[in-house]
């Protein structure tokens, strides 16, 4: 029983660590809920978009959502649904999402309307 209590206490401490911190240093990375995400890269293939973005320790699959930006022009955008304010060392994360259900014409070119950081602006993850 003591083992389970210890696991519970440790998991509470680890999971609660993101809740009380706020260490997003770049204005481009500090996004409020449901704002257009700033990406470091993306790839669109066969009804899926693979995005790369900067995470600070609390960025997960449900931190982003893919939405139609302009159906007429076959445009989509990725929005951040939860800001990452954990304050850990910045790292590039890669996530894949389906947009087949959004009703865009998959036979036409898909345009992504997110800002993408230039190579010189990307956060170094090797420090």
C-alpha atoms as a PDB file:
ATOM      1  CA  UNK A   1       0.000   0.000   0.000  1.00  0.00           C
ATOM      2  CA  UNK A   2       2.874   2.368   0.775  1.00  0.00           C
ATOM      3  CA  UNK A   3       4.194   1.823  -2.749  1.00  0.00           C
ATOM      4  CA  UNK A   4       0.908   3.071  -4.274  1.00  0.00           C
ATOM      5  CA  UNK A   5       0.864   6.076  -1.957  1.00  0.00           C
ATOM      6  CA  UNK A   6       4.414   6.936  -3.005  1.00  0.00           C
ATOM      7  CA  UNK A   7       3.545   6.567  -6.701  1.00  0.00           C
ATOM      8  CA  UNK A   8       0.483   8.781  -6.219  1.00  0.00           C
ATOM      9  CA  UNK A   9       2.501  11.468  -4.434  1.00  0.00           C
ATOM     10  CA  UNK A  10       5.259  11.415  -7.049  1.00  0.00           C
ATOM     11  CA  UNK A  11       2.830  11.544  -9.961  1.00  0.00           C
ATOM     12  CA  UNK A  12       0.944  14.415  -8.326  1.00  0.00           C
ATOM     13  CA  UNK A  13       4.186  16.349  -7.889  1.00  0.00           C
ATOM     14  CA  UNK A  14       5.316  15.722 -11.462  1.00  0.00           C
ATOM     15  CA  UNK A  15       1.971  16.414 -13.099  1.00  0.00           C
ATOM     16  CA  UNK A  16       1.326  19.437 -10.930  1.00  0.00           C
ATOM     17  CA  UNK A  17       4.670  20.951 -11.907  1.00  0.00           C
ATOM     18  CA  UNK A  18       3.277  22.413 -15.113  1.00  0.00           C
ATOM     19  CA  UNK A  19       0.329  24.093 -13.466  1.00  0.00           C
ATOM     20  CA  UNK A  20       2.156  26.690 -11.418  1.00  0.00           C
ATOM     21  CA  UNK A  21       4.947  27.761 -13.714  1.00  0.00           C
ATOM     22  CA  UNK A  22       5.070  30.384 -16.421  1.00  0.00           C
ATOM     23  CA  UNK A  23       8.323  30.503 -18.378  1.00  0.00           C
ATOM     24  CA  UNK A  24       7.575  31.224 -22.007  1.00  0.00           C
ATOM     25  CA  UNK A  25      10.254  33.651 -23.043  1.00  0.00           C
ATOM     26  CA  UNK A  26       9.536  34.270 -26.725  1.00  0.00           C
ATOM     27  CA  UNK A  27       6.491  36.337 -27.643  1.00  0.00           C
ATOM     28  CA  UNK A  28       6.029  34.105 -30.698  1.00  0.00           C
ATOM     29  CA  UNK A  29       5.731  31.041 -28.463  1.00  0.00           C
ATOM     30  CA  UNK A  30       3.414  32.570 -25.860  1.00  0.00           C
ATOM     31  CA  UNK A  31       0.031  31.744 -27.313  1.00  0.00           C
ATOM     32  CA  UNK A  32      -3.355  31.895 -25.707  1.00  0.00           C
ATOM     33  CA  UNK A  33      -5.800  29.061 -26.129  1.00  0.00           C
ATOM     34  CA  UNK A  34      -7.103  28.531 -29.691  1.00  0.00           C
ATOM     35  CA  UNK A  35      -4.665  30.932 -31.349  1.00  0.00           C
ATOM     36  CA  UNK A  36      -2.849  30.146 -34.566  1.00  0.00           C
ATOM     37  CA  UNK A  37       0.230  28.109 -33.657  1.00  0.00           C
ATOM     38  CA  UNK A  38       3.730  29.150 -34.642  1.00  0.00           C
ATOM     39  CA  UNK A  39       5.387  26.135 -36.260  1.00  0.00           C
ATOM     40  CA  UNK A  40       9.025  25.302 -36.876  1.00  0.00           C
ATOM     41  CA  UNK A  41       8.080  23.097 -39.847  1.00  0.00           C
ATOM     42  CA  UNK A  42       5.206  21.094 -41.337  1.00  0.00           C
ATOM     43  CA  UNK A  43       4.514  18.463 -43.980  1.00  0.00           C
ATOM     44  CA  UNK A  44       1.172  17.760 -45.690  1.00  0.00           C
ATOM     45  CA  UNK A  45       0.551  14.321 -47.246  1.00  0.00           C
ATOM     46  CA  UNK A  46      -2.489  12.155 -47.926  1.00  0.00           C
ATOM     47  CA  UNK A  47      -4.905  13.935 -45.607  1.00  0.00           C
ATOM     48  CA  UNK A  48      -2.430  14.266 -42.732  1.00  0.00           C
ATOM     49  CA  UNK A  49      -0.340  17.157 -41.499  1.00  0.00           C
ATOM     50  CA  UNK A  50       2.820  16.517 -39.519  1.00  0.00           C
ATOM     51  CA  UNK A  51       3.786  19.598 -37.555  1.00  0.00           C
ATOM     52  CA  UNK A  52       6.890  20.562 -35.684  1.00  0.00           C
ATOM     53  CA  UNK A  53       6.619  23.111 -32.927  1.00  0.00           C
ATOM     54  CA  UNK A  54       8.538  24.161 -29.835  1.00  0.00           C
ATOM     55  CA  UNK A  55       7.498  22.615 -26.545  1.00  0.00           C
ATOM     56  CA  UNK A  56       8.550  23.484 -23.011  1.00  0.00           C
ATOM     57  CA  UNK A  57       7.657  20.173 -21.351  1.00  0.00           C
ATOM     58  CA  UNK A  58       3.852  20.203 -21.430  1.00  0.00           C
ATOM     59  CA  UNK A  59       3.056  20.050 -25.145  1.00  0.00           C
ATOM     60  CA  UNK A  60       1.084  16.956 -26.085  1.00  0.00           C
ATOM     61  CA  UNK A  61      -1.131  15.700 -28.921  1.00  0.00           C
ATOM     62  CA  UNK A  62      -4.189  17.498 -27.514  1.00  0.00           C
ATOM     63  CA  UNK A  63      -2.272  20.805 -27.344  1.00  0.00           C
ATOM     64  CA  UNK A  64      -3.123  21.459 -31.005  1.00  0.00           C
ATOM     65  CA  UNK A  65      -6.121  21.176 -33.321  1.00  0.00           C
ATOM     66  CA  UNK A  66      -6.395  21.397 -37.110  1.00  0.00           C
ATOM     67  CA  UNK A  67      -9.100  23.736 -38.449  1.00  0.00           C
ATOM     68  CA  UNK A  68     -10.301  24.968 -41.829  1.00  0.00           C
ATOM     69  CA  UNK A  69      -9.030  28.481 -42.432  1.00  0.00           C
ATOM     70  CA  UNK A  70     -10.672  29.015 -45.827  1.00  0.00           C
ATOM     71  CA  UNK A  71     -12.643  26.172 -47.437  1.00  0.00           C
ATOM     72  CA  UNK A  72     -12.929  27.938 -50.811  1.00  0.00           C
ATOM     73  CA  UNK A  73      -9.131  28.249 -51.115  1.00  0.00           C
ATOM     74  CA  UNK A  74      -8.442  24.826 -49.514  1.00  0.00           C
ATOM     75  CA  UNK A  75      -6.627  26.362 -46.528  1.00  0.00           C
ATOM     76  CA  UNK A  76      -6.130  24.981 -43.062  1.00  0.00           C
ATOM     77  CA  UNK A  77      -4.453  26.196 -39.930  1.00  0.00           C
ATOM     78  CA  UNK A  78      -3.158  24.584 -36.780  1.00  0.00           C
ATOM     79  CA  UNK A  79      -4.263  26.191 -33.525  1.00  0.00           C
ATOM     80  CA  UNK A  80      -2.772  25.708 -30.100  1.00  0.00           C
ATOM     81  CA  UNK A  81      -5.546  24.711 -27.729  1.00  0.00           C
ATOM     82  CA  UNK A  82      -3.362  24.720 -24.608  1.00  0.00           C
ATOM     83  CA  UNK A  83      -0.349  26.938 -23.972  1.00  0.00           C
ATOM     84  CA  UNK A  84       2.822  25.205 -22.753  1.00  0.00           C
ATOM     85  CA  UNK A  85       4.025  27.088 -19.705  1.00  0.00           C
ATOM     86  CA  UNK A  86       6.056  24.364 -17.997  1.00  0.00           C
ATOM     87  CA  UNK A  87       9.329  26.253 -18.273  1.00  0.00           C
ATOM     88  CA  UNK A  88      11.512  23.293 -19.181  1.00  0.00           C
ATOM     89  CA  UNK A  89      14.270  23.425 -21.785  1.00  0.00           C
ATOM     90  CA  UNK A  90      12.697  24.175 -25.203  1.00  0.00           C
ATOM     91  CA  UNK A  91      12.615  21.241 -27.589  1.00  0.00           C
ATOM     92  CA  UNK A  92      11.199  20.552 -31.026  1.00  0.00           C
ATOM     93  CA  UNK A  93       8.230  18.222 -30.978  1.00  0.00           C
ATOM     94  CA  UNK A  94       6.666  16.472 -33.946  1.00  0.00           C
ATOM     95  CA  UNK A  95       2.968  15.534 -34.040  1.00  0.00           C
ATOM     96  CA  UNK A  96       0.699  14.211 -36.793  1.00  0.00           C
ATOM     97  CA  UNK A  97      -2.982  15.053 -37.284  1.00  0.00           C
ATOM     98  CA  UNK A  98      -5.609  13.968 -39.787  1.00  0.00           C
ATOM     99  CA  UNK A  99      -7.635  16.601 -41.611  1.00  0.00           C
ATOM    100  CA  UNK A 100      -9.578  14.246 -43.896  1.00  0.00           C
ATOM    101  CA  UNK A 101     -12.763  14.882 -41.901  1.00  0.00           C
ATOM    102  CA  UNK A 102     -12.625  18.664 -42.475  1.00  0.00           C
ATOM    103  CA  UNK A 103     -14.074  18.497 -45.970  1.00  0.00           C
ATOM    104  CA  UNK A 104     -11.186  20.008 -47.902  1.00  0.00           C
ATOM    105  CA  UNK A 105     -10.577  18.818 -51.467  1.00  0.00           C
ATOM    106  CA  UNK A 106      -7.706  16.347 -51.059  1.00  0.00           C
ATOM    107  CA  UNK A 107      -7.151  16.322 -54.832  1.00  0.00           C
ATOM    108  CA  UNK A 108      -6.102  19.983 -54.723  1.00  0.00           C
ATOM    109  CA  UNK A 109      -3.123  21.587 -53.066  1.00  0.00           C
ATOM    110  CA  UNK A 110      -3.633  22.199 -49.343  1.00  0.00           C
ATOM    111  CA  UNK A 111      -2.397  25.559 -48.073  1.00  0.00           C
ATOM    112  CA  UNK A 112      -1.251  25.903 -44.449  1.00  0.00           C
ATOM    113  CA  UNK A 113      -1.765  29.390 -43.001  1.00  0.00           C
ATOM    114  CA  UNK A 114       0.483  29.118 -39.955  1.00  0.00           C
ATOM    115  CA  UNK A 115       3.562  31.245 -39.426  1.00  0.00           C
ATOM    116  CA  UNK A 116       6.771  29.185 -39.658  1.00  0.00           C
ATOM    117  CA  UNK A 117       9.899  30.299 -37.843  1.00  0.00           C
ATOM    118  CA  UNK A 118      12.867  30.935 -40.095  1.00  0.00           C
ATOM    119  CA  UNK A 119      15.883  28.697 -39.544  1.00  0.00           C
ATOM    120  CA  UNK A 120      17.747  31.480 -37.722  1.00  0.00           C
ATOM    121  CA  UNK A 121      14.782  32.045 -35.389  1.00  0.00           C
ATOM    122  CA  UNK A 122      14.288  28.415 -34.352  1.00  0.00           C
ATOM    123  CA  UNK A 123      15.059  27.592 -30.786  1.00  0.00           C
ATOM    124  CA  UNK A 124      18.161  25.513 -30.313  1.00  0.00           C
ATOM    125  CA  UNK A 125      17.404  22.227 -28.613  1.00  0.00           C
ATOM    126  CA  UNK A 126      21.026  21.145 -28.333  1.00  0.00           C
ATOM    127  CA  UNK A 127      21.939  23.555 -25.499  1.00  0.00           C
END
